[in-house]
Amino acid sequence: LNAAQTDVALDRMLDEAIDNVATSIEESGAQIIRPREPLPHVLGDPTLLTMLWQNLIGNALKFRAQDPPVVVISARPSDELDGWELACTDNGIGIDPAYADRVFVIFQRLYGRDAYEGTGIGLAMCRKIVEFHGGRIWVESQPGQGATFYFSISK
């Protein structure tokens, strides 16, 4: 990745990502719940960080259960690096923990194209974006119980 590093307001990148998937949000009746406190500013690439949010929210909308999707965004200071741990939690179909690492490998799909559209690139791209920003990304989930995608990012 060859990207510009600048002061980035994560709230602004989240706003842009939500705007980019507004049609899916409306069609699914999704609710996006944001923290009361503003999200932090970090040193990073605004375009890449928008893509990160957009992929995470897009997946939450795509891999939904029958209920209207609920996506909860949260942030807290990170213990593992001088920065932040952010999370995108959904109430979707979930992921078997046995496949938790595989979802970040390019073209690895847990479901057939007939069940869910997509290329299998989104989460692999998320991993590259987070690693470019000096952090890591992981998922905690159980089938049928939604998923939480966490990522750490330095200040």
N, C-alpha and C. Protein backbone atom coordinates (compact mmCIF):
# COMPACT_ATOMS: atom_id res chain seq x y z
N LEU A 1 0.84 -1.19 0.00
CA LEU A 1 0.00 0.00 0.00
C LEU A 1 0.88 1.24 0.00
N ASN A 2 0.55 2.16 -0.83
CA ASN A 2 1.27 3.42 -0.89
C ASN A 2 0.24 4.51 -0.62
N ALA A 3 0.17 4.96 0.63
CA ALA A 3 -0.91 5.86 1.00
C ALA A 3 -0.38 7.03 1.82
N ALA A 4 -1.14 8.10 1.82
CA ALA A 4 -0.76 9.30 2.56
C ALA A 4 -1.13 9.15 4.02
N GLN A 5 -0.23 9.59 4.89
CA GLN A 5 -0.51 9.58 6.33
C GLN A 5 -0.84 11.00 6.76
N THR A 6 -2.00 11.17 7.37
CA THR A 6 -2.43 12.48 7.82
C THR A 6 -3.29 12.29 9.06
N ASP A 7 -3.64 13.38 9.72
CA ASP A 7 -4.53 13.31 10.88
C ASP A 7 -5.94 12.97 10.37
N VAL A 8 -6.48 11.88 10.87
CA VAL A 8 -7.77 11.40 10.39
C VAL A 8 -8.76 11.34 11.55
N ALA A 9 -9.91 11.97 11.35
CA ALA A 9 -11.02 11.86 12.30
C ALA A 9 -11.81 10.61 11.92
N LEU A 10 -11.74 9.57 12.75
CA LEU A 10 -12.41 8.31 12.40
C LEU A 10 -13.92 8.50 12.27
N ASP A 11 -14.50 9.47 12.99
CA ASP A 11 -15.94 9.75 12.83
C ASP A 11 -16.26 10.16 11.40
N ARG A 12 -15.41 10.99 10.81
CA ARG A 12 -15.66 11.45 9.45
C ARG A 12 -15.57 10.29 8.46
N MET A 13 -14.60 9.40 8.67
CA MET A 13 -14.45 8.24 7.77
C MET A 13 -15.64 7.30 7.94
N LEU A 14 -16.14 7.17 9.17
CA LEU A 14 -17.32 6.35 9.42
C LEU A 14 -18.54 6.96 8.74
N ASP A 15 -18.68 8.29 8.82
CA ASP A 15 -19.79 8.98 8.13
C ASP A 15 -19.76 8.67 6.64
N GLU A 16 -18.58 8.78 6.03
CA GLU A 16 -18.46 8.53 4.59
C GLU A 16 -18.80 7.08 4.25
N ALA A 17 -18.32 6.16 5.08
CA ALA A 17 -18.62 4.74 4.84
C ALA A 17 -20.12 4.48 4.92
N ILE A 18 -20.77 5.06 5.92
CA ILE A 18 -22.22 4.89 6.08
C ILE A 18 -22.96 5.50 4.88
N ASP A 19 -22.51 6.66 4.42
CA ASP A 19 -23.11 7.27 3.22
C ASP A 19 -22.97 6.34 2.02
N ASN A 20 -21.80 5.69 1.90
CA ASN A 20 -21.53 4.81 0.76
C ASN A 20 -22.42 3.56 0.74
N VAL A 21 -22.89 3.13 1.91
CA VAL A 21 -23.76 1.94 1.97
C VAL A 21 -25.18 2.31 2.39
N ALA A 22 -25.54 3.59 2.21
CA ALA A 22 -26.85 4.09 2.66
C ALA A 22 -28.01 3.30 2.06
N THR A 23 -27.91 2.92 0.79
CA THR A 23 -28.99 2.17 0.15
C THR A 23 -29.20 0.83 0.85
N SER A 24 -28.12 0.11 1.14
CA SER A 24 -28.22 -1.18 1.84
C SER A 24 -28.78 -1.00 3.24
N ILE A 25 -28.40 0.09 3.90
CA ILE A 25 -28.91 0.36 5.25
C ILE A 25 -30.42 0.57 5.18
N GLU A 26 -30.87 1.38 4.23
CA GLU A 26 -32.30 1.64 4.08
C GLU A 26 -33.08 0.38 3.72
N GLU A 27 -32.57 -0.36 2.72
CA GLU A 27 -33.29 -1.57 2.25
C GLU A 27 -33.42 -2.62 3.34
N SER A 28 -32.40 -2.74 4.20
CA SER A 28 -32.41 -3.78 5.23
C SER A 28 -33.06 -3.32 6.52
N GLY A 29 -33.33 -2.00 6.63
CA GLY A 29 -33.86 -1.46 7.88
C GLY A 29 -32.83 -1.46 8.99
N ALA A 30 -31.56 -1.45 8.63
CA ALA A 30 -30.48 -1.56 9.60
C ALA A 30 -30.42 -0.35 10.53
N GLN A 31 -29.92 -0.61 11.72
CA GLN A 31 -29.67 0.43 12.70
C GLN A 31 -28.16 0.44 12.96
N ILE A 32 -27.54 1.60 12.82
CA ILE A 32 -26.12 1.76 13.12
C ILE A 32 -26.03 2.55 14.42
N ILE A 33 -25.45 1.94 15.44
CA ILE A 33 -25.33 2.56 16.76
C ILE A 33 -23.88 2.97 16.97
N ARG A 34 -23.71 4.26 17.20
CA ARG A 34 -22.37 4.81 17.38
C ARG A 34 -22.15 5.18 18.83
N PRO A 35 -20.88 5.25 19.23
CA PRO A 35 -20.62 5.66 20.62
C PRO A 35 -21.02 7.10 20.85
N ARG A 36 -21.37 7.44 22.10
CA ARG A 36 -21.70 8.82 22.44
C ARG A 36 -20.49 9.73 22.28
N GLU A 37 -19.35 9.22 22.73
CA GLU A 37 -18.10 9.98 22.62
C GLU A 37 -17.64 9.97 21.17
N PRO A 38 -17.01 11.05 20.71
CA PRO A 38 -16.47 11.02 19.35
C PRO A 38 -15.40 9.94 19.21
N LEU A 39 -15.33 9.35 18.04
CA LEU A 39 -14.25 8.40 17.77
C LEU A 39 -12.94 9.18 17.73
N PRO A 40 -11.83 8.50 17.98
CA PRO A 40 -10.54 9.20 18.05
C PRO A 40 -10.03 9.67 16.69
N HIS A 41 -9.06 10.54 16.76
CA HIS A 41 -8.25 10.93 15.60
C HIS A 41 -7.03 10.01 15.59
N VAL A 42 -6.61 9.58 14.41
CA VAL A 42 -5.42 8.76 14.28
C VAL A 42 -4.59 9.28 13.11
N LEU A 43 -3.35 8.83 13.04
CA LEU A 43 -2.50 9.13 11.90
C LEU A 43 -2.75 8.02 10.88
N GLY A 44 -3.25 8.39 9.71
CA GLY A 44 -3.56 7.34 8.75
C GLY A 44 -3.98 7.89 7.41
N ASP A 45 -4.50 7.00 6.59
CA ASP A 45 -4.95 7.34 5.25
C ASP A 45 -6.48 7.38 5.26
N PRO A 46 -7.08 8.56 4.99
CA PRO A 46 -8.54 8.69 5.06
C PRO A 46 -9.29 7.75 4.13
N THR A 47 -8.82 7.59 2.91
CA THR A 47 -9.51 6.72 1.94
C THR A 47 -9.50 5.28 2.41
N LEU A 48 -8.34 4.81 2.86
CA LEU A 48 -8.24 3.42 3.32
C LEU A 48 -9.10 3.18 4.56
N LEU A 49 -9.12 4.14 5.47
CA LEU A 49 -9.91 3.96 6.69
C LEU A 49 -11.41 4.00 6.39
N THR A 50 -11.82 4.78 5.40
CA THR A 50 -13.22 4.74 4.95
C THR A 50 -13.54 3.36 4.38
N MET A 51 -12.64 2.83 3.56
CA MET A 51 -12.84 1.49 2.97
C MET A 51 -12.95 0.43 4.07
N LEU A 52 -12.16 0.56 5.11
CA LEU A 52 -12.19 -0.39 6.23
C LEU A 52 -13.58 -0.39 6.87
N TRP A 53 -14.06 0.79 7.26
CA TRP A 53 -15.41 0.88 7.85
C TRP A 53 -16.47 0.36 6.89
N GLN A 54 -16.35 0.74 5.62
CA GLN A 54 -17.35 0.35 4.63
C GLN A 54 -17.42 -1.16 4.47
N ASN A 55 -16.27 -1.83 4.44
CA ASN A 55 -16.26 -3.29 4.32
C ASN A 55 -16.86 -3.96 5.55
N LEU A 56 -16.50 -3.46 6.74
CA LEU A 56 -17.01 -4.07 7.97
C LEU A 56 -18.53 -3.89 8.08
N ILE A 57 -19.02 -2.69 7.81
CA ILE A 57 -20.46 -2.44 7.89
C ILE A 57 -21.18 -3.17 6.75
N GLY A 58 -20.60 -3.14 5.56
CA GLY A 58 -21.19 -3.86 4.42
C GLY A 58 -21.36 -5.34 4.70
N ASN A 59 -20.34 -5.95 5.32
CA ASN A 59 -20.45 -7.37 5.66
C ASN A 59 -21.53 -7.61 6.71
N ALA A 60 -21.64 -6.70 7.68
CA ALA A 60 -22.67 -6.84 8.71
C ALA A 60 -24.06 -6.81 8.08
N LEU A 61 -24.21 -6.00 7.04
CA LEU A 61 -25.51 -5.92 6.34
C LEU A 61 -25.73 -7.13 5.45
N LYS A 62 -24.67 -7.62 4.82
CA LYS A 62 -24.79 -8.75 3.89
C LYS A 62 -25.05 -10.07 4.61
N PHE A 63 -24.29 -10.32 5.67
CA PHE A 63 -24.38 -11.61 6.37
C PHE A 63 -25.32 -11.49 7.57
N ARG A 64 -26.54 -11.06 7.27
CA ARG A 64 -27.50 -10.81 8.33
C ARG A 64 -28.43 -12.00 8.52
N ALA A 65 -28.97 -12.07 9.72
CA ALA A 65 -30.02 -13.04 10.01
C ALA A 65 -31.34 -12.42 9.53
N GLN A 66 -32.45 -12.97 9.92
CA GLN A 66 -33.74 -12.45 9.46
C GLN A 66 -34.09 -11.11 10.10
N ASP A 67 -33.58 -10.87 11.30
CA ASP A 67 -33.90 -9.62 12.00
C ASP A 67 -33.35 -8.44 11.22
N PRO A 68 -33.87 -7.24 11.46
CA PRO A 68 -33.17 -6.09 10.87
C PRO A 68 -31.76 -6.04 11.47
N PRO A 69 -30.75 -5.76 10.65
CA PRO A 69 -29.38 -5.72 11.17
C PRO A 69 -29.20 -4.58 12.18
N VAL A 70 -28.44 -4.88 13.22
CA VAL A 70 -28.03 -3.87 14.18
C VAL A 70 -26.51 -3.93 14.21
N VAL A 71 -25.88 -2.79 13.95
CA VAL A 71 -24.42 -2.71 13.93
C VAL A 71 -24.01 -1.70 14.99
N VAL A 72 -23.14 -2.14 15.90
CA VAL A 72 -22.70 -1.29 17.00
C VAL A 72 -21.21 -1.01 16.83
N ILE A 73 -20.87 0.27 16.78
CA ILE A 73 -19.48 0.70 16.67
C ILE A 73 -19.01 1.12 18.05
N SER A 74 -17.81 0.70 18.43
CA SER A 74 -17.27 1.12 19.72
C SER A 74 -15.77 1.33 19.61
N ALA A 75 -15.23 2.06 20.59
CA ALA A 75 -13.80 2.35 20.63
C ALA A 75 -13.35 2.45 22.08
N ARG A 76 -12.13 1.99 22.31
CA ARG A 76 -11.54 2.15 23.64
C ARG A 76 -10.02 2.21 23.48
N PRO A 77 -9.34 2.81 24.45
CA PRO A 77 -7.88 2.83 24.37
C PRO A 77 -7.34 1.40 24.31
N SER A 78 -6.31 1.20 23.53
CA SER A 78 -5.72 -0.14 23.35
C SER A 78 -4.63 -0.39 24.37
N ASP A 79 -4.66 -1.56 24.96
CA ASP A 79 -3.61 -1.95 25.89
C ASP A 79 -2.35 -2.39 25.15
N GLU A 80 -2.53 -2.95 23.95
CA GLU A 80 -1.39 -3.58 23.28
C GLU A 80 -0.52 -2.61 22.51
N LEU A 81 -1.02 -1.44 22.18
CA LEU A 81 -0.18 -0.44 21.52
C LEU A 81 -0.68 0.93 21.92
N ASP A 82 0.13 1.92 21.62
CA ASP A 82 -0.26 3.28 21.96
C ASP A 82 -1.30 3.73 20.94
N GLY A 83 -2.52 3.38 21.18
CA GLY A 83 -3.55 3.69 20.20
C GLY A 83 -4.92 3.28 20.68
N TRP A 84 -5.70 2.68 19.75
CA TRP A 84 -7.10 2.41 20.00
C TRP A 84 -7.47 1.01 19.55
N GLU A 85 -8.47 0.47 20.21
CA GLU A 85 -9.11 -0.77 19.77
C GLU A 85 -10.54 -0.40 19.40
N LEU A 86 -10.87 -0.64 18.14
CA LEU A 86 -12.21 -0.33 17.65
C LEU A 86 -12.93 -1.63 17.36
N ALA A 87 -14.25 -1.57 17.40
CA ALA A 87 -15.03 -2.78 17.16
C ALA A 87 -16.27 -2.46 16.35
N CYS A 88 -16.65 -3.43 15.52
CA CYS A 88 -17.88 -3.38 14.74
C CYS A 88 -18.62 -4.68 15.04
N THR A 89 -19.69 -4.58 15.81
CA THR A 89 -20.44 -5.75 16.27
C THR A 89 -21.77 -5.82 15.53
N ASP A 90 -22.14 -7.03 15.09
CA ASP A 90 -23.42 -7.18 14.40
C ASP A 90 -24.23 -8.31 15.02
N ASN A 91 -25.48 -8.41 14.59
CA ASN A 91 -26.38 -9.45 15.06
C ASN A 91 -26.66 -10.45 13.93
N GLY A 92 -25.67 -10.66 13.08
CA GLY A 92 -25.85 -11.48 11.89
C GLY A 92 -25.70 -12.97 12.12
N ILE A 93 -25.32 -13.67 11.05
CA ILE A 93 -25.30 -15.14 11.07
C ILE A 93 -24.13 -15.71 11.85
N GLY A 94 -23.11 -14.89 12.11
CA GLY A 94 -21.97 -15.36 12.89
C GLY A 94 -21.00 -16.19 12.07
N ILE A 95 -19.90 -16.54 12.71
CA ILE A 95 -18.82 -17.31 12.08
C ILE A 95 -18.37 -18.37 13.06
N ASP A 96 -18.18 -19.57 12.58
CA ASP A 96 -17.63 -20.63 13.42
C ASP A 96 -16.20 -20.23 13.80
N PRO A 97 -15.86 -20.27 15.11
CA PRO A 97 -14.51 -19.88 15.53
C PRO A 97 -13.39 -20.64 14.80
N ALA A 98 -13.69 -21.85 14.32
CA ALA A 98 -12.68 -22.62 13.58
C ALA A 98 -12.25 -21.91 12.30
N TYR A 99 -13.10 -21.01 11.78
CA TYR A 99 -12.80 -20.31 10.53
C TYR A 99 -12.43 -18.84 10.76
N ALA A 100 -12.23 -18.45 12.02
CA ALA A 100 -12.02 -17.03 12.35
C ALA A 100 -10.82 -16.43 11.63
N ASP A 101 -9.75 -17.19 11.42
CA ASP A 101 -8.58 -16.64 10.72
C ASP A 101 -8.76 -16.70 9.21
N ARG A 102 -9.47 -17.71 8.75
CA ARG A 102 -9.63 -17.91 7.30
C ARG A 102 -10.38 -16.78 6.62
N VAL A 103 -11.28 -16.09 7.35
CA VAL A 103 -12.07 -15.04 6.72
C VAL A 103 -11.22 -13.87 6.25
N PHE A 104 -9.97 -13.76 6.76
CA PHE A 104 -9.10 -12.65 6.38
C PHE A 104 -8.15 -13.01 5.23
N VAL A 105 -8.30 -14.23 4.68
CA VAL A 105 -7.46 -14.68 3.57
C VAL A 105 -8.18 -14.38 2.26
N ILE A 106 -7.46 -13.76 1.32
CA ILE A 106 -8.08 -13.35 0.07
C ILE A 106 -8.72 -14.53 -0.66
N PHE A 107 -9.90 -14.30 -1.19
CA PHE A 107 -10.71 -15.26 -1.96
C PHE A 107 -11.20 -16.45 -1.12
N GLN A 108 -11.03 -16.40 0.20
CA GLN A 108 -11.56 -17.47 1.04
C GLN A 108 -13.00 -17.11 1.38
N ARG A 109 -13.91 -17.94 0.95
CA ARG A 109 -15.33 -17.70 1.21
C ARG A 109 -15.85 -18.83 2.07
N LEU A 110 -16.61 -18.49 3.10
CA LEU A 110 -17.21 -19.53 3.94
C LEU A 110 -18.53 -20.01 3.37
N TYR A 111 -19.12 -19.19 2.49
CA TYR A 111 -20.43 -19.52 1.92
C TYR A 111 -20.33 -19.39 0.41
N GLY A 112 -21.13 -20.16 -0.30
CA GLY A 112 -21.12 -20.11 -1.75
C GLY A 112 -21.69 -18.81 -2.28
N ARG A 113 -21.33 -18.51 -3.53
CA ARG A 113 -21.83 -17.27 -4.16
C ARG A 113 -23.34 -17.28 -4.29
N ASP A 114 -23.93 -18.47 -4.34
CA ASP A 114 -25.39 -18.53 -4.46
C ASP A 114 -26.07 -18.06 -3.17
N ALA A 115 -25.39 -18.21 -2.04
CA ALA A 115 -25.96 -17.78 -0.76
C ALA A 115 -25.70 -16.30 -0.48
N TYR A 116 -24.48 -15.85 -0.73
CA TYR A 116 -24.10 -14.47 -0.46
C TYR A 116 -23.20 -13.98 -1.58
N GLU A 117 -23.53 -12.80 -2.13
CA GLU A 117 -22.71 -12.22 -3.18
C GLU A 117 -21.38 -11.74 -2.59
N GLY A 118 -20.40 -11.59 -3.47
CA GLY A 118 -19.13 -11.03 -3.03
C GLY A 118 -17.97 -11.75 -3.68
N THR A 119 -16.79 -11.16 -3.50
CA THR A 119 -15.60 -11.66 -4.15
C THR A 119 -14.66 -12.40 -3.22
N GLY A 120 -14.84 -12.24 -1.91
CA GLY A 120 -13.89 -12.82 -0.98
C GLY A 120 -12.66 -11.95 -0.80
N ILE A 121 -12.76 -10.68 -1.17
CA ILE A 121 -11.62 -9.76 -1.06
C ILE A 121 -11.76 -8.83 0.15
N GLY A 122 -12.98 -8.51 0.56
CA GLY A 122 -13.24 -7.46 1.55
C GLY A 122 -12.46 -7.57 2.84
N LEU A 123 -12.53 -8.70 3.53
CA LEU A 123 -11.85 -8.81 4.82
C LEU A 123 -10.34 -8.93 4.65
N ALA A 124 -9.89 -9.51 3.53
CA ALA A 124 -8.44 -9.55 3.26
C ALA A 124 -7.93 -8.11 3.10
N MET A 125 -8.72 -7.28 2.42
CA MET A 125 -8.35 -5.88 2.26
C MET A 125 -8.37 -5.17 3.62
N CYS A 126 -9.36 -5.48 4.46
CA CYS A 126 -9.41 -4.89 5.80
C CYS A 126 -8.12 -5.21 6.56
N ARG A 127 -7.68 -6.46 6.47
CA ARG A 127 -6.45 -6.86 7.18
C ARG A 127 -5.26 -6.05 6.67
N LYS A 128 -5.15 -5.90 5.35
CA LYS A 128 -4.03 -5.13 4.77
C LYS A 128 -4.08 -3.67 5.25
N ILE A 129 -5.27 -3.09 5.28
CA ILE A 129 -5.43 -1.70 5.70
C ILE A 129 -5.01 -1.54 7.16
N VAL A 130 -5.48 -2.44 8.02
CA VAL A 130 -5.16 -2.36 9.45
C VAL A 130 -3.66 -2.57 9.66
N GLU A 131 -3.07 -3.56 8.98
CA GLU A 131 -1.64 -3.81 9.12
C GLU A 131 -0.83 -2.61 8.62
N PHE A 132 -1.27 -1.98 7.54
CA PHE A 132 -0.61 -0.77 7.03
C PHE A 132 -0.58 0.31 8.11
N HIS A 133 -1.62 0.36 8.93
CA HIS A 133 -1.71 1.36 9.99
C HIS A 133 -1.09 0.87 11.30
N GLY A 134 -0.34 -0.22 11.25
CA GLY A 134 0.40 -0.70 12.41
C GLY A 134 -0.42 -1.49 13.41
N GLY A 135 -1.60 -1.94 13.01
CA GLY A 135 -2.45 -2.66 13.95
C GLY A 135 -2.72 -4.09 13.52
N ARG A 136 -3.70 -4.68 14.14
CA ARG A 136 -4.13 -6.03 13.76
C ARG A 136 -5.65 -6.08 13.80
N ILE A 137 -6.22 -7.08 13.12
CA ILE A 137 -7.67 -7.25 13.07
C ILE A 137 -8.00 -8.70 13.42
N TRP A 138 -9.08 -8.89 14.14
CA TRP A 138 -9.51 -10.23 14.50
C TRP A 138 -11.02 -10.23 14.70
N VAL A 139 -11.58 -11.44 14.74
CA VAL A 139 -13.03 -11.57 14.91
C VAL A 139 -13.32 -12.51 16.06
N GLU A 140 -14.36 -12.20 16.81
CA GLU A 140 -14.90 -13.10 17.83
C GLU A 140 -16.36 -13.33 17.47
N SER A 141 -16.73 -14.61 17.39
CA SER A 141 -18.07 -14.92 16.91
C SER A 141 -18.44 -16.35 17.27
N GLN A 142 -19.72 -16.62 17.20
CA GLN A 142 -20.30 -17.97 17.26
C GLN A 142 -21.38 -18.03 16.19
N PRO A 143 -21.55 -19.17 15.54
CA PRO A 143 -22.61 -19.28 14.53
C PRO A 143 -23.97 -18.90 15.13
N GLY A 144 -24.71 -18.07 14.40
CA GLY A 144 -26.05 -17.68 14.82
C GLY A 144 -26.08 -16.61 15.90
N GLN A 145 -24.91 -16.12 16.32
CA GLN A 145 -24.89 -15.14 17.41
C GLN A 145 -24.18 -13.85 17.03
N GLY A 146 -24.10 -13.57 15.74
CA GLY A 146 -23.44 -12.34 15.31
C GLY A 146 -21.93 -12.45 15.40
N ALA A 147 -21.28 -11.34 15.08
CA ALA A 147 -19.82 -11.30 15.10
C ALA A 147 -19.36 -9.93 15.55
N THR A 148 -18.19 -9.90 16.18
CA THR A 148 -17.53 -8.64 16.49
C THR A 148 -16.17 -8.66 15.83
N PHE A 149 -15.97 -7.70 14.92
CA PHE A 149 -14.68 -7.51 14.29
C PHE A 149 -13.96 -6.40 15.05
N TYR A 150 -12.81 -6.75 15.61
CA TYR A 150 -11.99 -5.79 16.35
C TYR A 150 -10.80 -5.40 15.49
N PHE A 151 -10.36 -4.16 15.60
CA PHE A 151 -9.08 -3.80 15.03
C PHE A 151 -8.41 -2.78 15.92
N SER A 152 -7.08 -2.91 15.95
CA SER A 152 -6.29 -1.96 16.72
C SER A 152 -5.60 -1.04 15.73
N ILE A 153 -5.38 0.18 16.17
CA ILE A 153 -4.73 1.17 15.31
C ILE A 153 -3.96 2.14 16.20
N SER A 154 -2.76 2.50 15.81
CA SER A 154 -1.96 3.39 16.64
C SER A 154 -2.43 4.82 16.46
N LYS A 155 -2.10 5.65 17.44
CA LYS A 155 -2.49 7.06 17.41
C LYS A 155 -1.74 7.76 16.32
